[in-house]
Amino acid sequence: MPAGKGRYRPCSSLGVDDLDVTKRNLLGRAVKLLGKDELAKRLNIPTSLFDDWVRGDATMPDGKLMELARTMDKLSREQK
């Protein structure tokens, strides 16, 4: 299947808005698992910044996205 024609698109075809929505969705899922305060603590950020990211008032840096991925990976390993 050609790139961009299937369900998943390569990262390079994602627009900035799409990426921000994806980040916010991931944050929302993580909050359901850990709670906002615990997640902010694990990402080493103030909860006010976390709220800004979820609302879309600020953009989550890619470095924090990687920290979020590592946090979720670690959590999944702890639950086994």
PDB file of N, CA and C in Angstrom:
ATOM      1  N   MET A   1       0.846  -1.175   0.000  1.00  0.00           N
ATOM      2  CA  MET A   1       0.000   0.000   0.000  1.00  0.00           C
ATOM      3  C   MET A   1       0.892   1.239   0.000  1.00  0.00           C
ATOM      4  N   PRO A   2       0.666   2.220  -0.867  1.00  0.00           N
ATOM      5  CA  PRO A   2       1.504   3.414  -0.919  1.00  0.00           C
ATOM      6  C   PRO A   2       1.415   4.222   0.373  1.00  0.00           C
ATOM      7  N   ALA A   3       2.501   4.918   0.681  1.00  0.00           N
ATOM      8  CA  ALA A   3       2.541   5.743   1.882  1.00  0.00           C
ATOM      9  C   ALA A   3       1.396   6.738   1.865  1.00  0.00           C
ATOM     10  N   GLY A   4       0.742   6.872   3.009  1.00  0.00           N
ATOM     11  CA  GLY A   4      -0.338   7.843   3.148  1.00  0.00           C
ATOM     12  C   GLY A   4      -1.688   7.337   2.671  1.00  0.00           C
ATOM     13  N   LYS A   5      -1.749   6.149   2.077  1.00  0.00           N
ATOM     14  CA  LYS A   5      -3.010   5.625   1.554  1.00  0.00           C
ATOM     15  C   LYS A   5      -3.715   4.703   2.541  1.00  0.00           C
ATOM     16  N   GLY A   6      -2.981   4.172   3.500  1.00  0.00           N
ATOM     17  CA  GLY A   6      -3.570   3.254   4.459  1.00  0.00           C
ATOM     18  C   GLY A   6      -4.063   3.978   5.696  1.00  0.00           C
ATOM     19  N   ARG A   7      -4.261   3.214   6.722  1.00  0.00           N
ATOM     20  CA  ARG A   7      -4.747   3.764   7.980  1.00  0.00           C
ATOM     21  C   ARG A   7      -3.716   4.662   8.640  1.00  0.00           C
ATOM     22  N   TYR A   8      -2.461   4.266   8.546  1.00  0.00           N
ATOM     23  CA  TYR A   8      -1.395   5.029   9.193  1.00  0.00           C
ATOM     24  C   TYR A   8      -0.609   5.810   8.159  1.00  0.00           C
ATOM     25  N   ARG A   9      -0.244   7.016   8.533  1.00  0.00           N
ATOM     26  CA  ARG A   9       0.558   7.853   7.644  1.00  0.00           C
ATOM     27  C   ARG A   9       1.952   8.001   8.217  1.00  0.00           C
ATOM     28  N   PRO A  10       2.943   8.159   7.362  1.00  0.00           N
ATOM     29  CA  PRO A  10       4.286   8.415   7.888  1.00  0.00           C
ATOM     30  C   PRO A  10       4.305   9.724   8.658  1.00  0.00           C
ATOM     31  N   CYS A  11       5.170   9.808   9.658  1.00  0.00           N
ATOM     32  CA  CYS A  11       5.245  11.013  10.496  1.00  0.00           C
ATOM     33  C   CYS A  11       5.428  12.270   9.669  1.00  0.00           C
ATOM     34  N   SER A  12       6.181  12.169   8.581  1.00  0.00           N
ATOM     35  CA  SER A  12       6.453  13.354   7.776  1.00  0.00           C
ATOM     36  C   SER A  12       5.191  13.899   7.120  1.00  0.00           C
ATOM     37  N   SER A  13       4.131  13.075   7.015  1.00  0.00           N
ATOM     38  CA  SER A  13       2.902  13.560   6.402  1.00  0.00           C
ATOM     39  C   SER A  13       1.933  14.135   7.427  1.00  0.00           C
ATOM     40  N   LEU A  14       2.271  14.018   8.709  1.00  0.00           N
ATOM     41  CA  LEU A  14       1.414  14.579   9.741  1.00  0.00           C
ATOM     42  C   LEU A  14       1.628  16.086   9.821  1.00  0.00           C
ATOM     43  N   GLY A  15       0.551  16.819   9.858  1.00  0.00           N
ATOM     44  CA  GLY A  15       0.658  18.259  10.044  1.00  0.00           C
ATOM     45  C   GLY A  15       0.902  18.577  11.498  1.00  0.00           C
ATOM     46  N   VAL A  16       1.282  19.810  11.772  1.00  0.00           N
ATOM     47  CA  VAL A  16       1.536  20.237  13.149  1.00  0.00           C
ATOM     48  C   VAL A  16       0.287  20.046  13.993  1.00  0.00           C
ATOM     49  N   ASP A  17      -0.873  20.398  13.468  1.00  0.00           N
ATOM     50  CA  ASP A  17      -2.112  20.248  14.220  1.00  0.00           C
ATOM     51  C   ASP A  17      -2.376  18.780  14.548  1.00  0.00           C
ATOM     52  N   ASP A  18      -2.143  17.891  13.574  1.00  0.00           N
ATOM     53  CA  ASP A  18      -2.344  16.455  13.806  1.00  0.00           C
ATOM     54  C   ASP A  18      -1.427  15.959  14.917  1.00  0.00           C
ATOM     55  N   LEU A  19      -0.192  16.381  14.900  1.00  0.00           N
ATOM     56  CA  LEU A  19       0.773  15.941  15.900  1.00  0.00           C
ATOM     57  C   LEU A  19       0.388  16.449  17.283  1.00  0.00           C
ATOM     58  N   ASP A  20      -0.048  17.695  17.374  1.00  0.00           N
ATOM     59  CA  ASP A  20      -0.474  18.240  18.662  1.00  0.00           C
ATOM     60  C   ASP A  20      -1.680  17.490  19.203  1.00  0.00           C
ATOM     61  N   VAL A  21      -2.627  17.146  18.332  1.00  0.00           N
ATOM     62  CA  VAL A  21      -3.800  16.388  18.760  1.00  0.00           C
ATOM     63  C   VAL A  21      -3.377  15.013  19.246  1.00  0.00           C
ATOM     64  N   THR A  22      -2.454  14.388  18.542  1.00  0.00           N
ATOM     65  CA  THR A  22      -1.959  13.078  18.952  1.00  0.00           C
ATOM     66  C   THR A  22      -1.299  13.158  20.322  1.00  0.00           C
ATOM     67  N   LYS A  23      -0.475  14.164  20.535  1.00  0.00           N
ATOM     68  CA  LYS A  23       0.175  14.339  21.838  1.00  0.00           C
ATOM     69  C   LYS A  23      -0.865  14.523  22.934  1.00  0.00           C
ATOM     70  N   ARG A  24      -1.883  15.352  22.674  1.00  0.00           N
ATOM     71  CA  ARG A  24      -2.928  15.583  23.683  1.00  0.00           C
ATOM     72  C   ARG A  24      -3.707  14.299  23.966  1.00  0.00           C
ATOM     73  N   ASN A  25      -3.961  13.499  22.941  1.00  0.00           N
ATOM     74  CA  ASN A  25      -4.652  12.224  23.146  1.00  0.00           C
ATOM     75  C   ASN A  25      -3.827  11.282  24.012  1.00  0.00           C
ATOM     76  N   LEU A  26      -2.527  11.232  23.747  1.00  0.00           N
ATOM     77  CA  LEU A  26      -1.648  10.389  24.554  1.00  0.00           C
ATOM     78  C   LEU A  26      -1.611  10.854  26.008  1.00  0.00           C
ATOM     79  N   LEU A  27      -1.561  12.162  26.202  1.00  0.00           N
ATOM     80  CA  LEU A  27      -1.581  12.701  27.555  1.00  0.00           C
ATOM     81  C   LEU A  27      -2.872  12.313  28.270  1.00  0.00           C
ATOM     82  N   GLY A  28      -3.974  12.412  27.556  1.00  0.00           N
ATOM     83  CA  GLY A  28      -5.265  12.054  28.147  1.00  0.00           C
ATOM     84  C   GLY A  28      -5.313  10.599  28.576  1.00  0.00           C
ATOM     85  N   ARG A  29      -4.774   9.722  27.751  1.00  0.00           N
ATOM     86  CA  ARG A  29      -4.743   8.299  28.099  1.00  0.00           C
ATOM     87  C   ARG A  29      -3.840   8.049  29.297  1.00  0.00           C
ATOM     88  N   ALA A  30      -2.711   8.730  29.314  1.00  0.00           N
ATOM     89  CA  ALA A  30      -1.775   8.563  30.427  1.00  0.00           C
ATOM     90  C   ALA A  30      -2.390   9.048  31.742  1.00  0.00           C
ATOM     91  N   VAL A  31      -3.150  10.133  31.680  1.00  0.00           N
ATOM     92  CA  VAL A  31      -3.805  10.658  32.881  1.00  0.00           C
ATOM     93  C   VAL A  31      -4.778   9.634  33.445  1.00  0.00           C
ATOM     94  N   LYS A  32      -5.491   8.947  32.562  1.00  0.00           N
ATOM     95  CA  LYS A  32      -6.444   7.933  33.030  1.00  0.00           C
ATOM     96  C   LYS A  32      -5.733   6.806  33.780  1.00  0.00           C
ATOM     97  N   LEU A  33      -4.508   6.523  33.401  1.00  0.00           N
ATOM     98  CA  LEU A  33      -3.750   5.448  34.046  1.00  0.00           C
ATOM     99  C   LEU A  33      -3.047   5.880  35.324  1.00  0.00           C
ATOM    100  N   LEU A  34      -2.491   7.085  35.318  1.00  0.00           N
ATOM    101  CA  LEU A  34      -1.646   7.524  36.431  1.00  0.00           C
ATOM    102  C   LEU A  34      -2.244   8.653  37.272  1.00  0.00           C
ATOM    103  N   GLY A  35      -3.106   9.438  36.697  1.00  0.00           N
ATOM    104  CA  GLY A  35      -3.564  10.655  37.359  1.00  0.00           C
ATOM    105  C   GLY A  35      -2.670  11.816  36.960  1.00  0.00           C
ATOM    106  N   LYS A  36      -3.257  12.992  36.918  1.00  0.00           N
ATOM    107  CA  LYS A  36      -2.536  14.177  36.442  1.00  0.00           C
ATOM    108  C   LYS A  36      -1.332  14.520  37.310  1.00  0.00           C
ATOM    109  N   ASP A  37      -1.509  14.511  38.615  1.00  0.00           N
ATOM    110  CA  ASP A  37      -0.404  14.902  39.501  1.00  0.00           C
ATOM    111  C   ASP A  37       0.777  13.950  39.388  1.00  0.00           C
ATOM    112  N   GLU A  38       0.500  12.643  39.357  1.00  0.00           N
ATOM    113  CA  GLU A  38       1.579  11.654  39.254  1.00  0.00           C
ATOM    114  C   GLU A  38       2.288  11.757  37.908  1.00  0.00           C
ATOM    115  N   LEU A  39       1.518  11.960  36.848  1.00  0.00           N
ATOM    116  CA  LEU A  39       2.127  12.068  35.524  1.00  0.00           C
ATOM    117  C   LEU A  39       2.997  13.320  35.435  1.00  0.00           C
ATOM    118  N   ALA A  40       2.511  14.445  35.947  1.00  0.00           N
ATOM    119  CA  ALA A  40       3.309  15.676  35.941  1.00  0.00           C
ATOM    120  C   ALA A  40       4.600  15.468  36.740  1.00  0.00           C
ATOM    121  N   LYS A  41       4.491  14.759  37.848  1.00  0.00           N
ATOM    122  CA  LYS A  41       5.679  14.470  38.667  1.00  0.00           C
ATOM    123  C   LYS A  41       6.683  13.633  37.879  1.00  0.00           C
ATOM    124  N   ARG A  42       6.195  12.594  37.194  1.00  0.00           N
ATOM    125  CA  ARG A  42       7.102  11.719  36.439  1.00  0.00           C
ATOM    126  C   ARG A  42       7.733  12.439  35.250  1.00  0.00           C
ATOM    127  N   LEU A  43       7.022  13.420  34.682  1.00  0.00           N
ATOM    128  CA  LEU A  43       7.568  14.191  33.568  1.00  0.00           C
ATOM    129  C   LEU A  43       8.373  15.401  34.052  1.00  0.00           C
ATOM    130  N   ASN A  44       8.381  15.593  35.369  1.00  0.00           N
ATOM    131  CA  ASN A  44       9.123  16.693  35.980  1.00  0.00           C
ATOM    132  C   ASN A  44       8.668  18.056  35.453  1.00  0.00           C
ATOM    133  N   ILE A  45       7.346  18.247  35.476  1.00  0.00           N
ATOM    134  CA  ILE A  45       6.763  19.522  35.035  1.00  0.00           C
ATOM    135  C   ILE A  45       5.708  19.957  36.039  1.00  0.00           C
ATOM    136  N   PRO A  46       5.428  21.255  36.117  1.00  0.00           N
ATOM    137  CA  PRO A  46       4.327  21.707  36.974  1.00  0.00           C
ATOM    138  C   PRO A  46       2.982  21.276  36.374  1.00  0.00           C
ATOM    139  N   THR A  47       2.014  21.014  37.232  1.00  0.00           N
ATOM    140  CA  THR A  47       0.700  20.594  36.724  1.00  0.00           C
ATOM    141  C   THR A  47       0.062  21.676  35.868  1.00  0.00           C
ATOM    142  N   SER A  48       0.394  22.934  36.115  1.00  0.00           N
ATOM    143  CA  SER A  48      -0.175  24.015  35.297  1.00  0.00           C
ATOM    144  C   SER A  48       0.290  23.902  33.844  1.00  0.00           C
ATOM    145  N   LEU A  49       1.545  23.517  33.632  1.00  0.00           N
ATOM    146  CA  LEU A  49       2.043  23.322  32.269  1.00  0.00           C
ATOM    147  C   LEU A  49       1.361  22.116  31.639  1.00  0.00           C
ATOM    148  N   PHE A  50       1.189  21.073  32.417  1.00  0.00           N
ATOM    149  CA  PHE A  50       0.478  19.895  31.936  1.00  0.00           C
ATOM    150  C   PHE A  50      -0.925  20.281  31.455  1.00  0.00           C
ATOM    151  N   ASP A  51      -1.623  21.085  32.259  1.00  0.00           N
ATOM    152  CA  ASP A  51      -2.963  21.547  31.873  1.00  0.00           C
ATOM    153  C   ASP A  51      -2.917  22.330  30.562  1.00  0.00           C
ATOM    154  N   ASP A  52      -1.898  23.162  30.392  1.00  0.00           N
ATOM    155  CA  ASP A  52      -1.746  23.933  29.149  1.00  0.00           C
ATOM    156  C   ASP A  52      -1.582  23.006  27.950  1.00  0.00           C
ATOM    157  N   TRP A  53      -0.799  21.948  28.111  1.00  0.00           N
ATOM    158  CA  TRP A  53      -0.610  20.993  27.014  1.00  0.00           C
ATOM    159  C   TRP A  53      -1.916  20.304  26.655  1.00  0.00           C
ATOM    160  N   VAL A  54      -2.661  19.869  27.666  1.00  0.00           N
ATOM    161  CA  VAL A  54      -3.914  19.151  27.421  1.00  0.00           C
ATOM    162  C   VAL A  54      -4.935  20.057  26.730  1.00  0.00           C
ATOM    163  N   ARG A  55      -4.993  21.307  27.128  1.00  0.00           N
ATOM    164  CA  ARG A  55      -5.929  22.256  26.507  1.00  0.00           C
ATOM    165  C   ARG A  55      -5.472  22.717  25.130  1.00  0.00           C
ATOM    166  N   GLY A  56      -4.200  22.521  24.826  1.00  0.00           N
ATOM    167  CA  GLY A  56      -3.669  22.994  23.559  1.00  0.00           C
ATOM    168  C   GLY A  56      -3.185  24.427  23.626  1.00  0.00           C
ATOM    169  N   ASP A  57      -3.069  24.972  24.846  1.00  0.00           N
ATOM    170  CA  ASP A  57      -2.579  26.340  25.018  1.00  0.00           C
ATOM    171  C   ASP A  57      -1.064  26.423  24.890  1.00  0.00           C
ATOM    172  N   ALA A  58      -0.391  25.298  25.020  1.00  0.00           N
ATOM    173  CA  ALA A  58       1.066  25.213  24.851  1.00  0.00           C
ATOM    174  C   ALA A  58       1.355  23.897  24.137  1.00  0.00           C
ATOM    175  N   THR A  59       2.477  23.865  23.435  1.00  0.00           N
ATOM    176  CA  THR A  59       2.859  22.663  22.690  1.00  0.00           C
ATOM    177  C   THR A  59       3.821  21.827  23.507  1.00  0.00           C
ATOM    178  N   MET A  60       3.519  20.558  23.605  1.00  0.00           N
ATOM    179  CA  MET A  60       4.394  19.629  24.314  1.00  0.00           C
ATOM    180  C   MET A  60       5.653  19.402  23.483  1.00  0.00           C
ATOM    181  N   PRO A  61       6.834  19.668  24.041  1.00  0.00           N
ATOM    182  CA  PRO A  61       8.071  19.440  23.289  1.00  0.00           C
ATOM    183  C   PRO A  61       8.268  17.949  22.989  1.00  0.00           C
ATOM    184  N   ASP A  62       8.934  17.659  21.883  1.00  0.00           N
ATOM    185  CA  ASP A  62       9.173  16.276  21.488  1.00  0.00           C
ATOM    186  C   ASP A  62       9.961  15.511  22.552  1.00  0.00           C
ATOM    187  N   GLY A  63      10.858  16.198  23.243  1.00  0.00           N
ATOM    188  CA  GLY A  63      11.622  15.547  24.305  1.00  0.00           C
ATOM    189  C   GLY A  63      10.723  15.035  25.420  1.00  0.00           C
ATOM    190  N   LYS A  64       9.693  15.801  25.750  1.00  0.00           N
ATOM    191  CA  LYS A  64       8.743  15.360  26.778  1.00  0.00           C
ATOM    192  C   LYS A  64       7.855  14.244  26.242  1.00  0.00           C
ATOM    193  N   LEU A  65       7.603  14.248  24.940  1.00  0.00           N
ATOM    194  CA  LEU A  65       6.855  13.141  24.343  1.00  0.00           C
ATOM    195  C   LEU A  65       7.635  11.844  24.528  1.00  0.00           C
ATOM    196  N   MET A  66       8.938  11.913  24.345  1.00  0.00           N
ATOM    197  CA  MET A  66       9.776  10.725  24.546  1.00  0.00           C
ATOM    198  C   MET A  66       9.763  10.297  26.015  1.00  0.00           C
ATOM    199  N   GLU A  67       9.793  11.261  26.921  1.00  0.00           N
ATOM    200  CA  GLU A  67       9.703  10.933  28.351  1.00  0.00           C
ATOM    201  C   GLU A  67       8.363  10.275  28.655  1.00  0.00           C
ATOM    202  N   LEU A  68       7.302  10.778  28.041  1.00  0.00           N
ATOM    203  CA  LEU A  68       5.979  10.191  28.227  1.00  0.00           C
ATOM    204  C   LEU A  68       5.979   8.749  27.732  1.00  0.00           C
ATOM    205  N   ALA A  69       6.579   8.516  26.582  1.00  0.00           N
ATOM    206  CA  ALA A  69       6.644   7.155  26.034  1.00  0.00           C
ATOM    207  C   ALA A  69       7.418   6.232  26.975  1.00  0.00           C
ATOM    208  N   ARG A  70       8.535   6.716  27.500  1.00  0.00           N
ATOM    209  CA  ARG A  70       9.314   5.896  28.436  1.00  0.00           C
ATOM    210  C   ARG A  70       8.522   5.625  29.717  1.00  0.00           C
ATOM    211  N   THR A  71       7.811   6.635  30.195  1.00  0.00           N
ATOM    212  CA  THR A  71       6.994   6.480  31.397  1.00  0.00           C
ATOM    213  C   THR A  71       5.912   5.440  31.182  1.00  0.00           C
ATOM    214  N   MET A  72       5.244   5.499  30.040  1.00  0.00           N
ATOM    215  CA  MET A  72       4.173   4.545  29.749  1.00  0.00           C
ATOM    216  C   MET A  72       4.735   3.143  29.543  1.00  0.00           C
ATOM    217  N   ASP A  73       5.900   3.048  28.933  1.00  0.00           N
ATOM    218  CA  ASP A  73       6.547   1.746  28.753  1.00  0.00           C
ATOM    219  C   ASP A  73       6.893   1.142  30.109  1.00  0.00           C
ATOM    220  N   LYS A  74       7.467   1.953  30.969  1.00  0.00           N
ATOM    221  CA  LYS A  74       7.828   1.486  32.314  1.00  0.00           C
ATOM    222  C   LYS A  74       6.577   1.051  33.070  1.00  0.00           C
ATOM    223  N   LEU A  75       5.514   1.819  32.967  1.00  0.00           N
ATOM    224  CA  LEU A  75       4.267   1.480  33.643  1.00  0.00           C
ATOM    225  C   LEU A  75       3.726   0.146  33.143  1.00  0.00           C
ATOM    226  N   SER A  76       3.781  -0.074  31.844  1.00  0.00           N
ATOM    227  CA  SER A  76       3.268  -1.329  31.294  1.00  0.00           C
ATOM    228  C   SER A  76       4.088  -2.526  31.788  1.00  0.00           C
ATOM    229  N   ARG A  77       5.380  -2.320  31.986  1.00  0.00           N
ATOM    230  CA  ARG A  77       6.231  -3.398  32.489  1.00  0.00           C
ATOM    231  C   ARG A  77       5.943  -3.678  33.967  1.00  0.00           C
ATOM    232  N   GLU A  78       5.612  -2.620  34.730  1.00  0.00           N
ATOM    233  CA  GLU A  78       5.316  -2.776  36.153  1.00  0.00           C
ATOM    234  C   GLU A  78       4.008  -3.529  36.354  1.00  0.00           C
ATOM    235  N   GLN A  79       3.089  -3.418  35.422  1.00  0.00           N
ATOM    236  CA  GLN A  79       1.766  -4.032  35.577  1.00  0.00           C
ATOM    237  C   GLN A  79       1.727  -5.495  35.180  1.00  0.00           C
ATOM    238  N   LYS A  80       2.822  -6.029  34.661  1.00  0.00           N
ATOM    239  CA  LYS A  80       2.847  -7.449  34.241  1.00  0.00           C
ATOM    240  C   LYS A  80       3.064  -8.371  35.398  1.00  0.00           C
TER     241      LYS A  80
END
